[in-house]
C-alpha atoms as a PDB file:
ATOM      1  CA  MET A   1     -15.937  59.268-179.712  1.00  0.00           C
ATOM      2  CA  GLU A   2     -16.050  55.887-177.984  1.00  0.00           C
ATOM      3  CA  PRO A   3     -12.916  53.706-178.192  1.00  0.00           C
ATOM      4  CA  SER A   4     -12.902  51.063-180.899  1.00  0.00           C
ATOM      5  CA  MET A   5     -14.136  47.570-179.989  1.00  0.00           C
ATOM      6  CA  ILE A   6     -11.645  46.058-182.440  1.00  0.00           C
ATOM      7  CA  ARG A   7      -8.383  47.762-183.325  1.00  0.00           C
ATOM      8  CA  VAL A   8      -5.827  46.223-185.673  1.00  0.00           C
ATOM      9  CA  GLU A   9      -2.610  48.070-186.484  1.00  0.00           C
ATOM     10  CA  ASN A  10       0.032  46.921-188.973  1.00  0.00           C
ATOM     11  CA  LEU A  11      -0.832  43.255-188.403  1.00  0.00           C
ATOM     12  CA  ILE A  12       1.546  40.781-190.025  1.00  0.00           C
ATOM     13  CA  LYS A  13       1.236  37.015-189.741  1.00  0.00           C
ATOM     14  CA  LYS A  14       3.791  34.736-191.361  1.00  0.00           C
ATOM     15  CA  PHE A  15       3.989  30.975-191.666  1.00  0.00           C
ATOM     16  CA  GLY A  16       7.608  30.351-192.544  1.00  0.00           C
ATOM     17  CA  ASP A  17       8.225  32.144-195.835  1.00  0.00           C
ATOM     18  CA  LEU A  18       4.498  32.682-196.458  1.00  0.00           C
ATOM     19  CA  THR A  19       3.024  36.021-195.408  1.00  0.00           C
ATOM     20  CA  ALA A  20      -0.679  35.318-194.898  1.00  0.00           C
ATOM     21  CA  VAL A  21      -1.536  38.774-193.520  1.00  0.00           C
ATOM     22  CA  ASN A  22       0.589  41.676-194.645  1.00  0.00           C
ATOM     23  CA  ASP A  23       0.447  45.016-192.780  1.00  0.00           C
ATOM     24  CA  VAL A  24      -3.326  45.075-192.167  1.00  0.00           C
ATOM     25  CA  SER A  25      -4.903  47.925-190.183  1.00  0.00           C
ATOM     26  CA  PHE A  26      -8.552  48.697-189.385  1.00  0.00           C
ATOM     27  CA  ASP A  27     -10.897  49.715-186.568  1.00  0.00           C
ATOM     28  CA  VAL A  28     -14.406  48.511-185.761  1.00  0.00           C
ATOM     29  CA  GLN A  29     -16.596  50.722-183.602  1.00  0.00           C
ATOM     30  CA  LYS A  30     -18.984  49.659-180.855  1.00  0.00           C
ATOM     31  CA  GLY A  31     -22.318  48.526-182.291  1.00  0.00           C
ATOM     32  CA  GLU A  32     -20.987  48.348-185.838  1.00  0.00           C
ATOM     33  CA  ILE A  33     -21.623  45.463-188.235  1.00  0.00           C
ATOM     34  CA  PHE A  34     -18.342  45.085-190.093  1.00  0.00           C
ATOM     35  CA  ALA A  35     -18.001  42.738-193.067  1.00  0.00           C
ATOM     36  CA  PHE A  36     -14.606  41.278-193.955  1.00  0.00           C
ATOM     37  CA  LEU A  37     -14.667  40.073-197.544  1.00  0.00           C
ATOM     38  CA  GLY A  38     -12.068  38.372-199.672  1.00  0.00           C
ATOM     39  CA  PRO A  39     -11.420  35.421-202.009  1.00  0.00           C
ATOM     40  CA  ASN A  40     -10.350  32.067-200.599  1.00  0.00           C
ATOM     41  CA  GLY A  41      -6.820  32.292-199.243  1.00  0.00           C
ATOM     42  CA  ALA A  42      -6.902  36.085-199.030  1.00  0.00           C
ATOM     43  CA  GLY A  43      -6.119  36.214-195.297  1.00  0.00           C
ATOM     44  CA  LYS A  44      -9.610  36.381-193.766  1.00  0.00           C
ATOM     45  CA  THR A  45      -9.369  33.217-191.688  1.00  0.00           C
ATOM     46  CA  THR A  46      -5.851  34.000-190.464  1.00  0.00           C
ATOM     47  CA  THR A  47      -6.969  37.461-189.349  1.00  0.00           C
ATOM     48  CA  ILE A  48      -9.956  36.002-187.480  1.00  0.00           C
ATOM     49  CA  LYS A  49      -7.714  33.429-185.808  1.00  0.00           C
ATOM     50  CA  VAL A  50      -5.458  36.216-184.544  1.00  0.00           C
ATOM     51  CA  LEU A  51      -8.451  38.235-183.334  1.00  0.00           C
ATOM     52  CA  THR A  52      -9.905  35.232-181.503  1.00  0.00           C
ATOM     53  CA  THR A  53      -6.620  34.252-179.785  1.00  0.00           C
ATOM     54  CA  LEU A  54      -6.039  31.101-181.871  1.00  0.00           C
ATOM     55  CA  LEU A  55      -2.882  32.549-183.447  1.00  0.00           C
ATOM     56  CA  LYS A  56      -0.291  35.027-182.266  1.00  0.00           C
ATOM     57  CA  PRO A  57       0.677  37.831-184.649  1.00  0.00           C
ATOM     58  CA  THR A  58       4.173  37.891-186.093  1.00  0.00           C
ATOM     59  CA  SER A  59       4.164  41.647-185.618  1.00  0.00           C
ATOM     60  CA  GLY A  60       1.732  44.510-185.246  1.00  0.00           C
ATOM     61  CA  SER A  61      -0.934  44.946-182.591  1.00  0.00           C
ATOM     62  CA  VAL A  62      -4.511  43.837-181.965  1.00  0.00           C
ATOM     63  CA  GLU A  63      -7.001  45.002-179.339  1.00  0.00           C
ATOM     64  CA  LEU A  64     -10.435  43.657-178.418  1.00  0.00           C
ATOM     65  CA  ASP A  65     -12.375  46.038-176.180  1.00  0.00           C
ATOM     66  CA  GLY A  66      -9.059  47.585-175.192  1.00  0.00           C
ATOM     67  CA  LEU A  67      -7.467  44.220-174.357  1.00  0.00           C
ATOM     68  CA  ASN A  68      -4.431  42.663-175.993  1.00  0.00           C
ATOM     69  CA  PRO A  69      -5.566  39.099-176.848  1.00  0.00           C
ATOM     70  CA  VAL A  70      -1.976  37.850-176.649  1.00  0.00           C
ATOM     71  CA  SER A  71      -1.150  39.087-173.144  1.00  0.00           C
ATOM     72  CA  HIS A  72      -4.740  39.010-171.794  1.00  0.00           C
ATOM     73  CA  HIS A  73      -6.190  36.081-173.724  1.00  0.00           C
ATOM     74  CA  ASN A  74      -8.551  34.829-170.997  1.00  0.00           C
ATOM     75  CA  GLU A  75     -10.122  38.260-170.474  1.00  0.00           C
ATOM     76  CA  ALA A  76     -10.302  38.846-174.243  1.00  0.00           C
ATOM     77  CA  ARG A  77     -12.068  35.529-174.818  1.00  0.00           C
ATOM     78  CA  LYS A  78     -14.863  36.572-172.467  1.00  0.00           C
ATOM     79  CA  ALA A  79     -15.471  39.669-174.588  1.00  0.00           C
ATOM     80  CA  PHE A  80     -16.456  37.798-177.740  1.00  0.00           C
ATOM     81  CA  GLY A  81     -18.675  35.044-179.068  1.00  0.00           C
ATOM     82  CA  ILE A  82     -17.834  33.142-182.215  1.00  0.00           C
ATOM     83  CA  VAL A  83     -19.656  31.059-184.812  1.00  0.00           C
ATOM     84  CA  PHE A  84     -17.404  29.302-187.305  1.00  0.00           C
ATOM     85  CA  GLN A  85     -18.442  28.017-190.702  1.00  0.00           C
ATOM     86  CA  ASP A  86     -18.453  24.348-189.703  1.00  0.00           C
ATOM     87  CA  PRO A  87     -21.085  23.066-187.222  1.00  0.00           C
ATOM     88  CA  SER A  88     -19.983  22.946-183.591  1.00  0.00           C
ATOM     89  CA  LEU A  89     -23.125  21.778-181.775  1.00  0.00           C
ATOM     90  CA  ASP A  90     -23.252  18.494-179.869  1.00  0.00           C
ATOM     91  CA  GLN A  91     -25.652  16.539-182.060  1.00  0.00           C
ATOM     92  CA  ASP A  92     -26.656  14.160-179.250  1.00  0.00           C
ATOM     93  CA  LEU A  93     -27.680  16.884-176.815  1.00  0.00           C
ATOM     94  CA  THR A  94     -30.923  18.843-176.874  1.00  0.00           C
ATOM     95  CA  ALA A  95     -31.018  22.497-177.877  1.00  0.00           C
ATOM     96  CA  TRP A  96     -31.407  23.478-174.211  1.00  0.00           C
ATOM     97  CA  GLU A  97     -28.467  21.293-173.180  1.00  0.00           C
ATOM     98  CA  ASN A  98     -26.233  22.845-175.847  1.00  0.00           C
ATOM     99  CA  MET A  99     -27.095  26.314-174.580  1.00  0.00           C
ATOM    100  CA  ASN A 100     -26.602  25.313-170.959  1.00  0.00           C
ATOM    101  CA  LEU A 101     -23.201  23.738-171.630  1.00  0.00           C
ATOM    102  CA  HIS A 102     -22.013  26.931-173.323  1.00  0.00           C
ATOM    103  CA  GLY A 103     -23.189  28.986-170.353  1.00  0.00           C
ATOM    104  CA  VAL A 104     -21.320  26.739-167.947  1.00  0.00           C
ATOM    105  CA  LEU A 105     -18.106  27.052-169.984  1.00  0.00           C
ATOM    106  CA  TYR A 106     -18.414  30.846-169.830  1.00  0.00           C
ATOM    107  CA  HIS A 107     -19.295  30.802-166.105  1.00  0.00           C
ATOM    108  CA  VAL A 108     -22.689  32.429-166.615  1.00  0.00           C
ATOM    109  CA  PRO A 109     -24.604  32.220-163.281  1.00  0.00           C
ATOM    110  CA  SER A 110     -27.353  29.584-163.413  1.00  0.00           C
ATOM    111  CA  LYS A 111     -30.298  31.988-162.966  1.00  0.00           C
ATOM    112  CA  ILE A 112     -29.033  34.334-165.664  1.00  0.00           C
ATOM    113  CA  ARG A 113     -28.187  31.326-167.848  1.00  0.00           C
ATOM    114  CA  ARG A 114     -31.761  30.044-167.671  1.00  0.00           C
ATOM    115  CA  GLU A 115     -33.324  33.447-168.262  1.00  0.00           C
ATOM    116  CA  ARG A 116     -31.068  34.365-171.163  1.00  0.00           C
ATOM    117  CA  THR A 117     -31.403  30.931-172.761  1.00  0.00           C
ATOM    118  CA  GLU A 118     -35.187  31.289-172.755  1.00  0.00           C
ATOM    119  CA  THR A 119     -35.027  34.825-174.141  1.00  0.00           C
ATOM    120  CA  LEU A 120     -32.636  33.910-176.954  1.00  0.00           C
ATOM    121  CA  MET A 121     -34.372  30.680-177.906  1.00  0.00           C
ATOM    122  CA  LYS A 122     -37.680  32.516-178.156  1.00  0.00           C
ATOM    123  CA  LEU A 123     -36.071  35.267-180.232  1.00  0.00           C
ATOM    124  CA  PHE A 124     -34.534  32.737-182.623  1.00  0.00           C
ATOM    125  CA  GLU A 125     -37.826  30.804-182.743  1.00  0.00           C
ATOM    126  CA  LEU A 126     -36.428  27.668-181.131  1.00  0.00           C
ATOM    127  CA  TRP A 127     -38.209  27.636-177.788  1.00  0.00           C
ATOM    128  CA  GLU A 128     -40.733  24.979-178.797  1.00  0.00           C
ATOM    129  CA  LYS A 129     -37.819  22.738-179.806  1.00  0.00           C
ATOM    130  CA  ARG A 130     -35.752  23.250-176.660  1.00  0.00           C
ATOM    131  CA  ASP A 131     -36.020  19.590-175.605  1.00  0.00           C
ATOM    132  CA  THR A 132     -35.382  18.213-179.104  1.00  0.00           C
ATOM    133  CA  VAL A 133     -32.080  16.487-179.850  1.00  0.00           C
ATOM    134  CA  VAL A 134     -30.069  18.698-182.215  1.00  0.00           C
ATOM    135  CA  LYS A 135     -29.431  15.962-184.794  1.00  0.00           C
ATOM    136  CA  GLN A 136     -33.139  16.212-185.648  1.00  0.00           C
ATOM    137  CA  PHE A 137     -32.824  19.913-186.517  1.00  0.00           C
ATOM    138  CA  SER A 138     -32.715  21.318-190.033  1.00  0.00           C
ATOM    139  CA  GLY A 139     -29.620  23.201-191.173  1.00  0.00           C
ATOM    140  CA  GLY A 140     -31.300  26.543-190.590  1.00  0.00           C
ATOM    141  CA  MET A 141     -32.385  25.610-187.075  1.00  0.00           C
ATOM    142  CA  LYS A 142     -28.867  24.471-186.190  1.00  0.00           C
ATOM    143  CA  ARG A 143     -27.431  27.754-187.429  1.00  0.00           C
ATOM    144  CA  ARG A 144     -29.961  29.782-185.433  1.00  0.00           C
ATOM    145  CA  LEU A 145     -29.096  27.761-182.331  1.00  0.00           C
ATOM    146  CA  GLU A 146     -25.359  28.306-182.829  1.00  0.00           C
ATOM    147  CA  ILE A 147     -25.814  32.049-183.108  1.00  0.00           C
ATOM    148  CA  ALA A 148     -28.215  32.164-180.151  1.00  0.00           C
ATOM    149  CA  ARG A 149     -25.573  30.261-178.193  1.00  0.00           C
ATOM    150  CA  GLY A 150     -22.917  32.774-179.262  1.00  0.00           C
ATOM    151  CA  PHE A 151     -24.980  35.563-177.661  1.00  0.00           C
ATOM    152  CA  LEU A 152     -25.611  33.663-174.401  1.00  0.00           C
ATOM    153  CA  HIS A 153     -22.737  35.071-172.343  1.00  0.00           C
ATOM    154  CA  THR A 154     -23.577  38.643-173.470  1.00  0.00           C
ATOM    155  CA  PRO A 155     -20.444  39.200-175.552  1.00  0.00           C
ATOM    156  CA  LYS A 156     -19.458  42.666-176.665  1.00  0.00           C
ATOM    157  CA  ILE A 157     -18.253  41.290-180.014  1.00  0.00           C
ATOM    158  CA  LEU A 158     -19.667  38.464-182.131  1.00  0.00           C
ATOM    159  CA  PHE A 159     -17.515  36.886-184.845  1.00  0.00           C
ATOM    160  CA  LEU A 160     -19.517  35.178-187.613  1.00  0.00           C
ATOM    161  CA  ASP A 161     -17.467  33.204-190.150  1.00  0.00           C
ATOM    162  CA  GLU A 162     -19.659  32.289-193.142  1.00  0.00           C
ATOM    163  CA  PRO A 163     -22.695  31.823-190.852  1.00  0.00           C
ATOM    164  CA  THR A 164     -25.271  31.261-193.616  1.00  0.00           C
ATOM    165  CA  LEU A 165     -23.304  28.995-195.951  1.00  0.00           C
ATOM    166  CA  GLY A 166     -25.635  26.381-197.426  1.00  0.00           C
ATOM    167  CA  LEU A 167     -28.837  27.888-196.031  1.00  0.00           C
ATOM    168  CA  ASP A 168     -31.878  28.656-198.169  1.00  0.00           C
ATOM    169  CA  PRO A 169     -32.777  32.333-198.764  1.00  0.00           C
ATOM    170  CA  GLN A 170     -35.621  32.270-196.218  1.00  0.00           C
ATOM    171  CA  SER A 171     -33.359  30.920-193.460  1.00  0.00           C
ATOM    172  CA  ARG A 172     -30.641  33.406-194.338  1.00  0.00           C
ATOM    173  CA  ASN A 173     -33.075  36.309-194.187  1.00  0.00           C
ATOM    174  CA  GLN A 174     -34.526  35.146-190.865  1.00  0.00           C
ATOM    175  CA  LEU A 175     -31.105  34.687-189.317  1.00  0.00           C
ATOM    176  CA  TRP A 176     -29.914  38.173-190.260  1.00  0.00           C
ATOM    177  CA  THR A 177     -33.160  39.705-188.993  1.00  0.00           C
ATOM    178  CA  HIS A 178     -32.425  38.265-185.546  1.00  0.00           C
ATOM    179  CA  VAL A 179     -28.742  39.243-185.589  1.00  0.00           C
ATOM    180  CA  LYS A 180     -29.599  42.812-186.589  1.00  0.00           C
ATOM    181  CA  HIS A 181     -32.167  42.988-183.786  1.00  0.00           C
ATOM    182  CA  LEU A 182     -29.576  42.031-181.166  1.00  0.00           C
ATOM    183  CA  ASN A 183     -27.020  44.320-182.744  1.00  0.00           C
ATOM    184  CA  GLU A 184     -29.435  47.214-182.379  1.00  0.00           C
ATOM    185  CA  THR A 185     -30.889  46.381-178.957  1.00  0.00           C
ATOM    186  CA  GLU A 186     -27.697  45.218-177.198  1.00  0.00           C
ATOM    187  CA  ARG A 187     -25.191  47.187-179.309  1.00  0.00           C
ATOM    188  CA  VAL A 188     -23.195  44.041-179.976  1.00  0.00           C
ATOM    189  CA  THR A 189     -20.374  44.625-182.444  1.00  0.00           C
ATOM    190  CA  VAL A 190     -20.574  42.088-185.272  1.00  0.00           C
ATOM    191  CA  PHE A 191     -17.553  41.053-187.352  1.00  0.00           C
ATOM    192  CA  LEU A 192     -18.618  38.818-190.223  1.00  0.00           C
ATOM    193  CA  THR A 193     -17.253  37.067-193.263  1.00  0.00           C
ATOM    194  CA  THR A 194     -19.491  35.906-196.093  1.00  0.00           C
ATOM    195  CA  HIS A 195     -19.378  35.007-199.756  1.00  0.00           C
ATOM    196  CA  TYR A 196     -22.963  36.218-200.204  1.00  0.00           C
ATOM    197  CA  MET A 197     -22.491  39.774-201.426  1.00  0.00           C
ATOM    198  CA  ASP A 198     -26.182  40.605-200.957  1.00  0.00           C
ATOM    199  CA  GLU A 199     -25.828  39.873-197.229  1.00  0.00           C
ATOM    200  CA  ALA A 200     -22.880  42.198-196.778  1.00  0.00           C
ATOM    201  CA  ASP A 201     -24.647  44.831-198.879  1.00  0.00           C
ATOM    202  CA  ARG A 202     -27.791  44.590-196.762  1.00  0.00           C
ATOM    203  CA  VAL A 203     -26.509  44.227-193.191  1.00  0.00           C
ATOM    204  CA  ALA A 204     -22.975  45.690-192.952  1.00  0.00           C
ATOM    205  CA  HIS A 205     -22.341  49.275-191.954  1.00  0.00           C
ATOM    206  CA  ARG A 206     -18.838  49.086-193.413  1.00  0.00           C
ATOM    207  CA  ILE A 207     -16.929  46.574-195.502  1.00  0.00           C
ATOM    208  CA  ALA A 208     -13.223  45.772-195.821  1.00  0.00           C
ATOM    209  CA  VAL A 209     -11.970  43.807-198.829  1.00  0.00           C
ATOM    210  CA  ILE A 210      -8.773  41.828-198.301  1.00  0.00           C
ATOM    211  CA  ASP A 211      -6.766  40.150-201.056  1.00  0.00           C
ATOM    212  CA  HIS A 212      -3.316  38.537-200.996  1.00  0.00           C
ATOM    213  CA  GLY A 213      -3.015  39.455-197.317  1.00  0.00           C
ATOM    214  CA  ARG A 214      -3.638  43.177-197.784  1.00  0.00           C
ATOM    215  CA  ILE A 215      -6.745  45.325-197.412  1.00  0.00           C
ATOM    216  CA  VAL A 216      -7.395  46.696-200.892  1.00  0.00           C
ATOM    217  CA  ALA A 217     -10.481  48.772-200.089  1.00  0.00           C
ATOM    218  CA  MET A 218     -12.658  49.763-197.142  1.00  0.00           C
ATOM    219  CA  GLY A 219     -15.854  51.760-196.784  1.00  0.00           C
ATOM    220  CA  THR A 220     -19.611  51.507-197.066  1.00  0.00           C
ATOM    221  CA  SER A 221     -21.115  49.409-199.821  1.00  0.00           C
ATOM    222  CA  GLN A 222     -22.000  52.565-201.721  1.00  0.00           C
ATOM    223  CA  GLU A 223     -18.480  53.944-201.374  1.00  0.00           C
ATOM    224  CA  LEU A 224     -16.974  50.724-202.756  1.00  0.00           C
ATOM    225  CA  LYS A 225     -19.343  50.831-205.729  1.00  0.00           C
ATOM    226  CA  GLN A 226     -18.430  54.448-206.418  1.00  0.00           C
ATOM    227  CA  GLN A 227     -14.715  53.718-206.042  1.00  0.00           C
ATOM    228  CA  THR A 228     -14.880  50.928-208.635  1.00  0.00           C
ATOM    229  CA  ASN A 229     -17.540  52.537-210.846  1.00  0.00           C
ATOM    230  CA  THR A 230     -19.754  49.455-210.527  1.00  0.00           C
ATOM    231  CA  GLU A 231     -23.469  49.022-209.845  1.00  0.00           C
ATOM    232  CA  SER A 232     -23.342  46.165-207.329  1.00  0.00           C
ATOM    233  CA  LEU A 233     -21.193  45.084-204.427  1.00  0.00           C
ATOM    234  CA  GLU A 234     -20.398  41.875-206.281  1.00  0.00           C
ATOM    235  CA  GLY A 235     -19.178  43.946-209.230  1.00  0.00           C
ATOM    236  CA  ALA A 236     -17.043  46.053-206.884  1.00  0.00           C
ATOM    237  CA  PHE A 237     -15.634  42.928-205.239  1.00  0.00           C
ATOM    238  CA  LEU A 238     -14.633  41.398-208.594  1.00  0.00           C
ATOM    239  CA  ALA A 239     -13.143  44.694-209.759  1.00  0.00           C
ATOM    240  CA  LEU A 240     -10.990  44.804-206.619  1.00  0.00           C
ATOM    241  CA  THR A 241      -9.952  41.130-206.433  1.00  0.00           C
ATOM    242  CA  GLY A 242     -10.228  39.807-209.993  1.00  0.00           C
ATOM    243  CA  SER A 243     -12.295  36.922-211.308  1.00  0.00           C
ATOM    244  CA  SER A 244      -9.822  34.016-211.079  1.00  0.00           C
ATOM    245  CA  ILE A 245     -10.869  31.038-208.947  1.00  0.00           C
ATOM    246  CA  ARG A 246      -8.928  30.645-205.692  1.00  0.00           C
ATOM    247  CA  GLU A 247      -8.173  27.425-203.851  1.00  0.00           C
ATOM    248  CA  GLU A 248     -10.110  26.695-200.668  1.00  0.00           C
ATOM    249  CA  SER A 249      -8.253  27.250-197.424  1.00  0.00           C
ATOM    250  CA  ALA A 250      -8.373  24.795-194.520  1.00  0.00           C
ATOM    251  CA  GLY A 251     -11.827  24.253-193.071  1.00  0.00           C
ATOM    252  CA  SER A 252     -13.095  25.685-189.830  1.00  0.00           C
ATOM    253  CA  ALA A 253     -13.326  22.348-188.048  1.00  0.00           C
ATOM    254  CA  ASP A 254      -9.707  22.719-186.928  1.00  0.00           C
ATOM    255  CA  GLN A 255     -10.555  26.148-185.512  1.00  0.00           C
ATOM    256  CA  LEU A 256     -13.436  24.683-183.527  1.00  0.00           C
ATOM    257  CA  ARG A 257     -11.234  21.971-182.087  1.00  0.00           C
ATOM    258  CA  GLN A 258      -8.717  24.629-181.107  1.00  0.00           C
ATOM    259  CA  MET A 259     -11.444  26.641-179.366  1.00  0.00           C
ATOM    260  CA  ALA A 260     -12.667  23.560-177.503  1.00  0.00           C
ATOM    261  CA  ARG A 261      -9.150  22.776-176.282  1.00  0.00           C
ATOM    262  CA  MET A 262      -8.670  26.407-175.321  1.00  0.00           C
ATOM    263  CA  PHE A 263     -11.651  26.419-172.947  1.00  0.00           C
ATOM    264  CA  ARG A 264     -10.637  23.153-171.316  1.00  0.00           C
ATOM    265  CA  ARG A 265      -7.418  24.673-170.056  1.00  0.00           C
END
């Protein structure tokens, strides 16, 4: 068996007296699409921040492609791409310029940068708009560009945090078709969060449900339905986490600013 692309063991993250992530453990295999589901404030965002080097764990261990993101953060950052919930494109640059800037930040050689940009923009059906300023794009086009950009430096892992929030069903379906294609052809490991249960049901190989900082269930969609004696993933999710409304956690814009500062160092 190949080593895990993501390995989390007994992860704990505290903020003062608050334990945001409490003894979480899981593995994600190479080429797997792994969905991380949970109500607002359940610990999803904190876990992603630890995985993407934005936070250090209080205790426990994390590995990305065999690397400790705390002690080898620069090497670990090269192994993943990330698309946060909030937009992160430069609205005043063209689609091509946004892609090129990302490639420069990741030190992708110019020839490879040009070739891969063309390939990805054609795959995500953006090639004809390559010289268009991004502020003229629709929401779906911006999302496709962000995800294409996340694949530019050929990451082994792609983190997608609520990537289809606010998109219409057609745009959501198109986006996942492209992500699944790259997952299958390049064996990119995909770690995603979403509140659309139908997406997780349709695209994820396995699903972990986190609530109050702890993983309360993990398995395939069918296994979660059987475990909770429900007929849908949404029913299983509600059975595991309850139906009370949770408060929103802090937005992803702060995460994006942190990432930008991180790559300027």
